[in-house]
Amino acid sequence: DIVITGGTFSLITGDDGIHADGDMSISDGNILIHDSYEGIEAATMTLSGGIINLAARDDGINVAGGNDTGQGGFGYDRFASGDQWLHITNGDITVDAQGDGIDVNGDMEMSGGTVLINGPTNNGNGALDFDGTFNLTGGTLMAAGSYGMAQTPSNSSSQMSLMLVYTSGQEAGTTVVLAENDVEKLSFTPTKPFQMILISSSDMQEGAAYAVKTGGNTVNITLTDLVTAVSETGEAVPQRGGGMGGQRPGGRR
């Protein structure tokens, strides 16, 4: 188990930035992981405070379990028995990932804090990847990445969320603004190219009309459902996670 209640960390590693075979709890501190294979990994994880800014060549936050094993390489997990879960209740978390932004081999809950996810750019991974449910009840979440395996929060959530899928990829450094009645509510400037952005905030209300401004383009969207997923042309797109409990084909890692 690992418990972090404060301090300053500046880390570079060939494997996990911070790894626990059991439980990980981070309640405060300033954690900067400049480079890693996976940013932070544990069998169960509670993030309740502090500042976390991480870059990973695979998953940013990985809730799996077991020691990393492999022949001359990293990233192969011997999974522990039992349930895996992630709880985010507070804190400022920024993820830059080439693999999944957040990968939970179980259930995920978020009730507070701010989570910003940059990546992935390949369609074999997603900004969010969870096997069970993602119950979103509070906080601010903005995730930009590829669309191929993108997931949305589950319908068990109480907070509204919006996924917008673009007809073509957007360049890194393109600012996305969520506005209501010409008043800016949220903005995010992804550091990687993206074709999908997921936005959720406690300020978002069902039935309200919002404008999503991306560069010089504006898309007007009314939140008709708890999870509203639409293309740039206004057509509904499939939700992976909202109605399916986050299940995806293929092996877990």
C-alpha atoms as a PDB file:
ATOM      1  CA  ASP A   1       0.000   0.000   0.000  1.00  0.00           C
ATOM      2  CA  ILE A   2       1.035   3.607  -0.571  1.00  0.00           C
ATOM      3  CA  VAL A   3      -0.311   6.651   1.283  1.00  0.00           C
ATOM      4  CA  ILE A   4       0.728  10.162   0.195  1.00  0.00           C
ATOM      5  CA  THR A   5      -0.460  13.054   2.374  1.00  0.00           C
ATOM      6  CA  GLY A   6       1.838  15.835   1.147  1.00  0.00           C
ATOM      7  CA  GLY A   7       5.227  16.720  -0.243  1.00  0.00           C
ATOM      8  CA  THR A   8       6.669  17.452  -3.664  1.00  0.00           C
ATOM      9  CA  PHE A   9       7.568  14.715  -6.133  1.00  0.00           C
ATOM     10  CA  SER A  10       9.423  15.113  -9.456  1.00  0.00           C
ATOM     11  CA  LEU A  11       9.726  11.717 -11.112  1.00  0.00           C
ATOM     12  CA  ILE A  12      11.118  10.099 -14.257  1.00  0.00           C
ATOM     13  CA  THR A  13      10.938   6.319 -14.617  1.00  0.00           C
ATOM     14  CA  GLY A  14      11.133   3.533 -17.168  1.00  0.00           C
ATOM     15  CA  ASP A  15       8.108   1.808 -15.636  1.00  0.00           C
ATOM     16  CA  ASP A  16       5.344   3.063 -13.302  1.00  0.00           C
ATOM     17  CA  GLY A  17       5.773   6.504 -11.798  1.00  0.00           C
ATOM     18  CA  ILE A  18       4.154   5.373  -8.525  1.00  0.00           C
ATOM     19  CA  HIS A  19       3.116   1.724  -8.048  1.00  0.00           C
ATOM     20  CA  ALA A  20       1.283  -0.103  -5.248  1.00  0.00           C
ATOM     21  CA  ASP A  21       0.411  -3.796  -5.381  1.00  0.00           C
ATOM     22  CA  GLY A  22      -2.478  -3.050  -3.000  1.00  0.00           C
ATOM     23  CA  ASP A  23      -4.176   0.267  -2.215  1.00  0.00           C
ATOM     24  CA  MET A  24      -3.022   3.770  -3.122  1.00  0.00           C
ATOM     25  CA  SER A  25      -4.317   6.883  -1.380  1.00  0.00           C
ATOM     26  CA  ILE A  26      -3.265  10.419  -2.365  1.00  0.00           C
ATOM     27  CA  SER A  27      -4.813  13.238  -0.328  1.00  0.00           C
ATOM     28  CA  ASP A  28      -2.340  16.110  -0.847  1.00  0.00           C
ATOM     29  CA  GLY A  29       0.993  17.042  -2.353  1.00  0.00           C
ATOM     30  CA  ASN A  30       2.393  18.155  -5.685  1.00  0.00           C
ATOM     31  CA  ILE A  31       3.196  15.170  -7.906  1.00  0.00           C
ATOM     32  CA  LEU A  32       4.862  15.734 -11.282  1.00  0.00           C
ATOM     33  CA  ILE A  33       5.665  12.625 -13.314  1.00  0.00           C
ATOM     34  CA  HIS A  34       7.665  13.879 -16.291  1.00  0.00           C
ATOM     35  CA  ASP A  35       7.944  10.504 -18.023  1.00  0.00           C
ATOM     36  CA  SER A  36       6.799   6.969 -17.242  1.00  0.00           C
ATOM     37  CA  TYR A  37       5.484   3.812 -18.838  1.00  0.00           C
ATOM     38  CA  GLU A  38       2.329   4.121 -16.720  1.00  0.00           C
ATOM     39  CA  GLY A  39       1.840   7.107 -14.436  1.00  0.00           C
ATOM     40  CA  ILE A  40       0.276   5.738 -11.247  1.00  0.00           C
ATOM     41  CA  GLU A  41      -0.921   2.189 -10.729  1.00  0.00           C
ATOM     42  CA  ALA A  42      -2.555   0.212  -7.919  1.00  0.00           C
ATOM     43  CA  ALA A  43      -5.187  -2.444  -7.303  1.00  0.00           C
ATOM     44  CA  THR A  44      -7.474   0.105  -5.621  1.00  0.00           C
ATOM     45  CA  MET A  45      -7.052   3.878  -5.588  1.00  0.00           C
ATOM     46  CA  THR A  46      -8.492   6.940  -3.840  1.00  0.00           C
ATOM     47  CA  LEU A  47      -7.511  10.409  -5.063  1.00  0.00           C
ATOM     48  CA  SER A  48      -8.846  13.004  -2.632  1.00  0.00           C
ATOM     49  CA  GLY A  49      -6.578  16.025  -2.989  1.00  0.00           C
ATOM     50  CA  GLY A  50      -3.337  17.505  -4.185  1.00  0.00           C
ATOM     51  CA  ILE A  51      -2.004  18.264  -7.656  1.00  0.00           C
ATOM     52  CA  ILE A  52      -1.112  15.415  -9.999  1.00  0.00           C
ATOM     53  CA  ASN A  53       0.409  16.089 -13.408  1.00  0.00           C
ATOM     54  CA  LEU A  54       1.662  13.044 -15.278  1.00  0.00           C
ATOM     55  CA  ALA A  55       2.900  11.876 -18.669  1.00  0.00           C
ATOM     56  CA  ALA A  56       2.783   8.203 -19.631  1.00  0.00           C
ATOM     57  CA  ARG A  57       3.798   6.153 -22.669  1.00  0.00           C
ATOM     58  CA  ASP A  58       0.905   3.789 -21.899  1.00  0.00           C
ATOM     59  CA  ASP A  59      -1.930   4.322 -19.396  1.00  0.00           C
ATOM     60  CA  GLY A  60      -1.906   7.478 -17.296  1.00  0.00           C
ATOM     61  CA  ILE A  61      -3.818   6.106 -14.290  1.00  0.00           C
ATOM     62  CA  ASN A  62      -4.064   2.313 -14.212  1.00  0.00           C
ATOM     63  CA  VAL A  63      -6.159   0.506 -11.603  1.00  0.00           C
ATOM     64  CA  ALA A  64      -5.318  -3.115 -12.192  1.00  0.00           C
ATOM     65  CA  GLY A  65      -3.191  -4.848  -9.579  1.00  0.00           C
ATOM     66  CA  GLY A  66      -0.251  -7.194  -9.454  1.00  0.00           C
ATOM     67  CA  ASN A  67       3.444  -6.741 -10.106  1.00  0.00           C
ATOM     68  CA  ASP A  68       4.698  -5.761 -13.529  1.00  0.00           C
ATOM     69  CA  THR A  69       6.336  -8.770 -15.155  1.00  0.00           C
ATOM     70  CA  GLY A  70       7.662  -9.579 -18.594  1.00  0.00           C
ATOM     71  CA  GLN A  71      10.714 -10.655 -20.514  1.00  0.00           C
ATOM     72  CA  GLY A  72      12.916  -7.622 -20.805  1.00  0.00           C
ATOM     73  CA  GLY A  73      10.005  -5.201 -20.923  1.00  0.00           C
ATOM     74  CA  PHE A  74       7.459  -3.347 -18.851  1.00  0.00           C
ATOM     75  CA  GLY A  75       3.730  -3.166 -18.623  1.00  0.00           C
ATOM     76  CA  TYR A  76       2.640  -6.789 -18.202  1.00  0.00           C
ATOM     77  CA  ASP A  77       0.550  -7.116 -15.057  1.00  0.00           C
ATOM     78  CA  ARG A  78       0.022 -10.224 -12.995  1.00  0.00           C
ATOM     79  CA  PHE A  79      -3.468  -9.354 -11.825  1.00  0.00           C
ATOM     80  CA  ALA A  80      -4.365  -9.623  -8.170  1.00  0.00           C
ATOM     81  CA  SER A  81      -7.589 -11.343  -7.169  1.00  0.00           C
ATOM     82  CA  GLY A  82     -10.524  -9.285  -5.971  1.00  0.00           C
ATOM     83  CA  ASP A  83     -12.211  -6.083  -7.103  1.00  0.00           C
ATOM     84  CA  GLN A  84     -10.375  -3.112  -8.538  1.00  0.00           C
ATOM     85  CA  TRP A  85     -11.807   0.413  -8.186  1.00  0.00           C
ATOM     86  CA  LEU A  86     -10.949   4.098  -8.459  1.00  0.00           C
ATOM     87  CA  HIS A  87     -12.520   6.871  -6.365  1.00  0.00           C
ATOM     88  CA  ILE A  88     -11.821  10.539  -7.179  1.00  0.00           C
ATOM     89  CA  THR A  89     -13.232  12.935  -4.604  1.00  0.00           C
ATOM     90  CA  ASN A  90     -10.985  16.002  -4.982  1.00  0.00           C
ATOM     91  CA  GLY A  91      -7.708  17.283  -6.379  1.00  0.00           C
ATOM     92  CA  ASP A  92      -6.393  18.672  -9.663  1.00  0.00           C
ATOM     93  CA  ILE A  93      -5.356  15.880 -12.037  1.00  0.00           C
ATOM     94  CA  THR A  94      -3.848  16.339 -15.502  1.00  0.00           C
ATOM     95  CA  VAL A  95      -3.022  13.297 -17.627  1.00  0.00           C
ATOM     96  CA  ASP A  96      -0.998  13.072 -20.839  1.00  0.00           C
ATOM     97  CA  ALA A  97      -1.235   9.495 -22.095  1.00  0.00           C
ATOM     98  CA  GLN A  98      -0.341   7.533 -25.202  1.00  0.00           C
ATOM     99  CA  GLY A  99      -2.466   4.615 -23.953  1.00  0.00           C
ATOM    100  CA  ASP A 100      -5.686   4.948 -21.978  1.00  0.00           C
ATOM    101  CA  GLY A 101      -5.940   8.169 -19.998  1.00  0.00           C
ATOM    102  CA  ILE A 102      -7.626   6.397 -17.067  1.00  0.00           C
ATOM    103  CA  ASP A 103      -7.889   2.592 -17.168  1.00  0.00           C
ATOM    104  CA  VAL A 104      -9.921   0.885 -14.422  1.00  0.00           C
ATOM    105  CA  ASN A 105     -10.354  -2.890 -14.442  1.00  0.00           C
ATOM    106  CA  GLY A 106     -13.503  -2.460 -12.376  1.00  0.00           C
ATOM    107  CA  ASP A 107     -15.686   0.441 -11.252  1.00  0.00           C
ATOM    108  CA  MET A 108     -14.872   4.134 -11.211  1.00  0.00           C
ATOM    109  CA  GLU A 109     -16.468   6.930  -9.181  1.00  0.00           C
ATOM    110  CA  MET A 110     -15.904  10.686  -9.334  1.00  0.00           C
ATOM    111  CA  SER A 111     -17.609  13.092  -6.933  1.00  0.00           C
ATOM    112  CA  GLY A 112     -15.288  16.122  -6.996  1.00  0.00           C
ATOM    113  CA  GLY A 113     -12.041  17.623  -8.187  1.00  0.00           C
ATOM    114  CA  THR A 114     -10.855  18.485 -11.678  1.00  0.00           C
ATOM    115  CA  VAL A 115      -9.617  15.906 -14.188  1.00  0.00           C
ATOM    116  CA  LEU A 116      -8.099  16.907 -17.548  1.00  0.00           C
ATOM    117  CA  ILE A 117      -7.073  14.150 -19.959  1.00  0.00           C
ATOM    118  CA  ASN A 118      -4.937  14.603 -23.080  1.00  0.00           C
ATOM    119  CA  GLY A 119      -4.843  11.532 -25.320  1.00  0.00           C
ATOM    120  CA  PRO A 120      -4.706   8.972 -26.619  1.00  0.00           C
ATOM    121  CA  THR A 121      -4.356   9.693 -30.322  1.00  0.00           C
ATOM    122  CA  ASN A 122      -4.756   6.090 -31.534  1.00  0.00           C
ATOM    123  CA  ASN A 123      -8.124   4.383 -31.865  1.00  0.00           C
ATOM    124  CA  GLY A 124      -7.012   1.297 -29.950  1.00  0.00           C
ATOM    125  CA  ASN A 125      -7.192   3.187 -26.641  1.00  0.00           C
ATOM    126  CA  GLY A 126      -9.533   5.664 -24.971  1.00  0.00           C
ATOM    127  CA  ALA A 127      -9.339   8.666 -22.677  1.00  0.00           C
ATOM    128  CA  LEU A 128     -11.513   6.583 -20.310  1.00  0.00           C
ATOM    129  CA  ASP A 129     -11.452   2.781 -20.113  1.00  0.00           C
ATOM    130  CA  PHE A 130     -13.458   1.044 -17.397  1.00  0.00           C
ATOM    131  CA  ASP A 131     -14.786  -2.513 -17.203  1.00  0.00           C
ATOM    132  CA  GLY A 132     -17.636  -1.919 -14.742  1.00  0.00           C
ATOM    133  CA  THR A 133     -19.416   1.398 -14.287  1.00  0.00           C
ATOM    134  CA  PHE A 134     -18.315   5.020 -14.092  1.00  0.00           C
ATOM    135  CA  ASN A 135     -20.583   6.789 -11.611  1.00  0.00           C
ATOM    136  CA  LEU A 136     -20.074  10.555 -12.040  1.00  0.00           C
ATOM    137  CA  THR A 137     -21.713  12.722  -9.381  1.00  0.00           C
ATOM    138  CA  GLY A 138     -19.515  15.828  -9.116  1.00  0.00           C
ATOM    139  CA  GLY A 139     -16.394  17.666 -10.176  1.00  0.00           C
ATOM    140  CA  THR A 140     -15.163  18.803 -13.571  1.00  0.00           C
ATOM    141  CA  LEU A 141     -14.032  16.354 -16.247  1.00  0.00           C
ATOM    142  CA  MET A 142     -12.629  17.267 -19.659  1.00  0.00           C
ATOM    143  CA  ALA A 143     -11.060  14.552 -21.788  1.00  0.00           C
ATOM    144  CA  ALA A 144      -9.862  14.880 -25.387  1.00  0.00           C
ATOM    145  CA  GLY A 145      -8.550  12.023 -27.500  1.00  0.00           C
ATOM    146  CA  SER A 146      -9.336   9.471 -30.170  1.00  0.00           C
ATOM    147  CA  TYR A 147     -12.899   8.262 -30.710  1.00  0.00           C
ATOM    148  CA  GLY A 148     -12.359   4.611 -31.668  1.00  0.00           C
ATOM    149  CA  MET A 149     -12.663   3.246 -28.111  1.00  0.00           C
ATOM    150  CA  ALA A 150     -14.025   6.337 -26.333  1.00  0.00           C
ATOM    151  CA  GLN A 151     -16.316   5.721 -23.351  1.00  0.00           C
ATOM    152  CA  THR A 152     -18.821   7.949 -21.581  1.00  0.00           C
ATOM    153  CA  PRO A 153     -19.900   7.963 -17.915  1.00  0.00           C
ATOM    154  CA  SER A 154     -22.553   5.425 -16.971  1.00  0.00           C
ATOM    155  CA  ASN A 155     -26.262   6.127 -16.748  1.00  0.00           C
ATOM    156  CA  SER A 156     -26.037   5.565 -12.989  1.00  0.00           C
ATOM    157  CA  SER A 157     -24.421   9.019 -12.787  1.00  0.00           C
ATOM    158  CA  SER A 158     -26.269  12.066 -11.460  1.00  0.00           C
ATOM    159  CA  GLN A 159     -24.153  14.681 -13.263  1.00  0.00           C
ATOM    160  CA  MET A 160     -24.684  15.611 -16.901  1.00  0.00           C
ATOM    161  CA  SER A 161     -21.973  14.952 -19.464  1.00  0.00           C
ATOM    162  CA  LEU A 162     -21.494  15.743 -23.142  1.00  0.00           C
ATOM    163  CA  MET A 163     -19.367  13.949 -25.730  1.00  0.00           C
ATOM    164  CA  LEU A 164     -18.748  15.708 -29.035  1.00  0.00           C
ATOM    165  CA  VAL A 165     -17.202  13.759 -31.922  1.00  0.00           C
ATOM    166  CA  TYR A 166     -15.599  15.759 -34.730  1.00  0.00           C
ATOM    167  CA  THR A 167     -15.842  14.829 -38.406  1.00  0.00           C
ATOM    168  CA  SER A 168     -12.079  15.322 -38.696  1.00  0.00           C
ATOM    169  CA  GLY A 169      -9.185  15.449 -36.275  1.00  0.00           C
ATOM    170  CA  GLN A 170      -8.408  18.650 -34.403  1.00  0.00           C
ATOM    171  CA  GLU A 171      -4.871  19.933 -33.973  1.00  0.00           C
ATOM    172  CA  ALA A 172      -3.083  20.004 -30.642  1.00  0.00           C
ATOM    173  CA  GLY A 173      -3.371  23.428 -29.043  1.00  0.00           C
ATOM    174  CA  THR A 174      -6.938  23.979 -30.324  1.00  0.00           C
ATOM    175  CA  THR A 175      -9.030  25.545 -27.554  1.00  0.00           C
ATOM    176  CA  VAL A 176     -12.494  24.127 -26.870  1.00  0.00           C
ATOM    177  CA  VAL A 177     -14.974  26.402 -25.059  1.00  0.00           C
ATOM    178  CA  LEU A 178     -18.314  25.423 -23.541  1.00  0.00           C
ATOM    179  CA  ALA A 179     -20.625  28.441 -23.431  1.00  0.00           C
ATOM    180  CA  GLU A 180     -24.192  29.047 -22.293  1.00  0.00           C
ATOM    181  CA  ASN A 181     -26.020  32.185 -23.461  1.00  0.00           C
ATOM    182  CA  ASP A 182     -22.690  33.510 -24.783  1.00  0.00           C
ATOM    183  CA  VAL A 183     -21.123  33.120 -21.328  1.00  0.00           C
ATOM    184  CA  GLU A 184     -18.044  30.899 -21.141  1.00  0.00           C
ATOM    185  CA  LYS A 185     -18.487  28.047 -18.662  1.00  0.00           C
ATOM    186  CA  LEU A 186     -15.442  25.880 -19.340  1.00  0.00           C
ATOM    187  CA  SER A 187     -12.437  25.884 -21.629  1.00  0.00           C
ATOM    188  CA  PHE A 188      -9.766  23.315 -22.389  1.00  0.00           C
ATOM    189  CA  THR A 189      -6.764  23.400 -24.718  1.00  0.00           C
ATOM    190  CA  PRO A 190      -5.663  19.799 -25.394  1.00  0.00           C
ATOM    191  CA  THR A 191      -1.933  19.275 -25.848  1.00  0.00           C
ATOM    192  CA  LYS A 192      -2.461  16.445 -28.355  1.00  0.00           C
ATOM    193  CA  PRO A 193      -4.499  16.006 -31.547  1.00  0.00           C
ATOM    194  CA  PHE A 194      -8.061  14.832 -30.834  1.00  0.00           C
ATOM    195  CA  GLN A 195     -11.286  13.753 -32.535  1.00  0.00           C
ATOM    196  CA  MET A 196     -13.464  13.518 -29.422  1.00  0.00           C
ATOM    197  CA  ILE A 197     -13.974  15.657 -26.363  1.00  0.00           C
ATOM    198  CA  LEU A 198     -15.905  14.690 -23.236  1.00  0.00           C
ATOM    199  CA  ILE A 199     -17.124  17.508 -20.989  1.00  0.00           C
ATOM    200  CA  SER A 200     -18.849  17.285 -17.618  1.00  0.00           C
ATOM    201  CA  SER A 201     -19.436  19.848 -14.896  1.00  0.00           C
ATOM    202  CA  SER A 202     -21.826  20.322 -11.991  1.00  0.00           C
ATOM    203  CA  ASP A 203     -23.022  23.524 -13.749  1.00  0.00           C
ATOM    204  CA  MET A 204     -24.435  21.582 -16.708  1.00  0.00           C
ATOM    205  CA  GLN A 205     -28.203  21.082 -16.583  1.00  0.00           C
ATOM    206  CA  GLU A 206     -30.540  18.756 -18.449  1.00  0.00           C
ATOM    207  CA  GLY A 207     -32.521  20.563 -21.131  1.00  0.00           C
ATOM    208  CA  ALA A 208     -30.080  23.477 -21.274  1.00  0.00           C
ATOM    209  CA  ALA A 209     -28.642  24.662 -24.590  1.00  0.00           C
ATOM    210  CA  TYR A 210     -24.875  25.014 -24.930  1.00  0.00           C
ATOM    211  CA  ALA A 211     -22.471  26.108 -27.631  1.00  0.00           C
ATOM    212  CA  VAL A 212     -19.224  24.184 -28.053  1.00  0.00           C
ATOM    213  CA  LYS A 213     -16.717  26.436 -29.774  1.00  0.00           C
ATOM    214  CA  THR A 214     -13.683  24.737 -31.308  1.00  0.00           C
ATOM    215  CA  GLY A 215     -11.352  27.128 -33.044  1.00  0.00           C
ATOM    216  CA  GLY A 216     -13.613  29.032 -35.435  1.00  0.00           C
ATOM    217  CA  ASN A 217     -16.368  26.413 -35.428  1.00  0.00           C
ATOM    218  CA  THR A 218     -19.456  26.417 -33.181  1.00  0.00           C
ATOM    219  CA  VAL A 219     -21.782  23.473 -32.511  1.00  0.00           C
ATOM    220  CA  ASN A 220     -25.069  24.132 -30.668  1.00  0.00           C
ATOM    221  CA  ILE A 221     -26.182  21.252 -28.452  1.00  0.00           C
ATOM    222  CA  THR A 222     -29.122  20.761 -26.100  1.00  0.00           C
ATOM    223  CA  LEU A 223     -28.559  18.267 -23.293  1.00  0.00           C
ATOM    224  CA  THR A 224     -31.470  15.936 -23.870  1.00  0.00           C
ATOM    225  CA  ASP A 225     -30.111  13.030 -21.821  1.00  0.00           C
ATOM    226  CA  LEU A 226     -27.932  12.449 -18.796  1.00  0.00           C
ATOM    227  CA  VAL A 227     -25.212  11.468 -21.260  1.00  0.00           C
ATOM    228  CA  THR A 228     -25.526  13.355 -24.551  1.00  0.00           C
ATOM    229  CA  ALA A 229     -23.234  12.068 -27.308  1.00  0.00           C
ATOM    230  CA  VAL A 230     -23.382  13.737 -30.709  1.00  0.00           C
ATOM    231  CA  SER A 231     -21.293  14.280 -33.805  1.00  0.00           C
ATOM    232  CA  GLU A 232     -20.223  17.664 -35.095  1.00  0.00           C
ATOM    233  CA  THR A 233     -23.247  17.555 -37.420  1.00  0.00           C
ATOM    234  CA  GLY A 234     -25.641  17.093 -34.474  1.00  0.00           C
ATOM    235  CA  GLU A 235     -26.364  13.396 -35.048  1.00  0.00           C
ATOM    236  CA  ALA A 236     -26.349  10.976 -32.123  1.00  0.00           C
ATOM    237  CA  VAL A 237     -23.284   8.721 -31.884  1.00  0.00           C
ATOM    238  CA  PRO A 238     -22.901   5.402 -30.025  1.00  0.00           C
ATOM    239  CA  GLN A 239     -22.162   5.585 -26.297  1.00  0.00           C
ATOM    240  CA  ARG A 240     -19.646   3.108 -24.981  1.00  0.00           C
ATOM    241  CA  GLY A 241     -20.094   3.034 -21.254  1.00  0.00           C
ATOM    242  CA  GLY A 242     -23.220   5.057 -20.677  1.00  0.00           C
ATOM    243  CA  GLY A 243     -25.610   2.270 -21.570  1.00  0.00           C
ATOM    244  CA  MET A 244     -23.215  -0.674 -21.699  1.00  0.00           C
ATOM    245  CA  GLY A 245     -21.599  -0.429 -18.280  1.00  0.00           C
ATOM    246  CA  GLY A 246     -18.262   0.324 -19.865  1.00  0.00           C
ATOM    247  CA  GLN A 247     -17.761  -3.113 -21.392  1.00  0.00           C
ATOM    248  CA  ARG A 248     -15.402  -3.337 -24.321  1.00  0.00           C
ATOM    249  CA  PRO A 249     -14.143  -6.271 -26.349  1.00  0.00           C
ATOM    250  CA  GLY A 250     -10.601  -7.449 -26.052  1.00  0.00           C
ATOM    251  CA  GLY A 251      -8.183  -8.224 -23.255  1.00  0.00           C
ATOM    252  CA  ARG A 252      -7.511  -6.053 -20.247  1.00  0.00           C
ATOM    253  CA  ARG A 253      -4.153  -4.575 -19.366  1.00  0.00           C
END
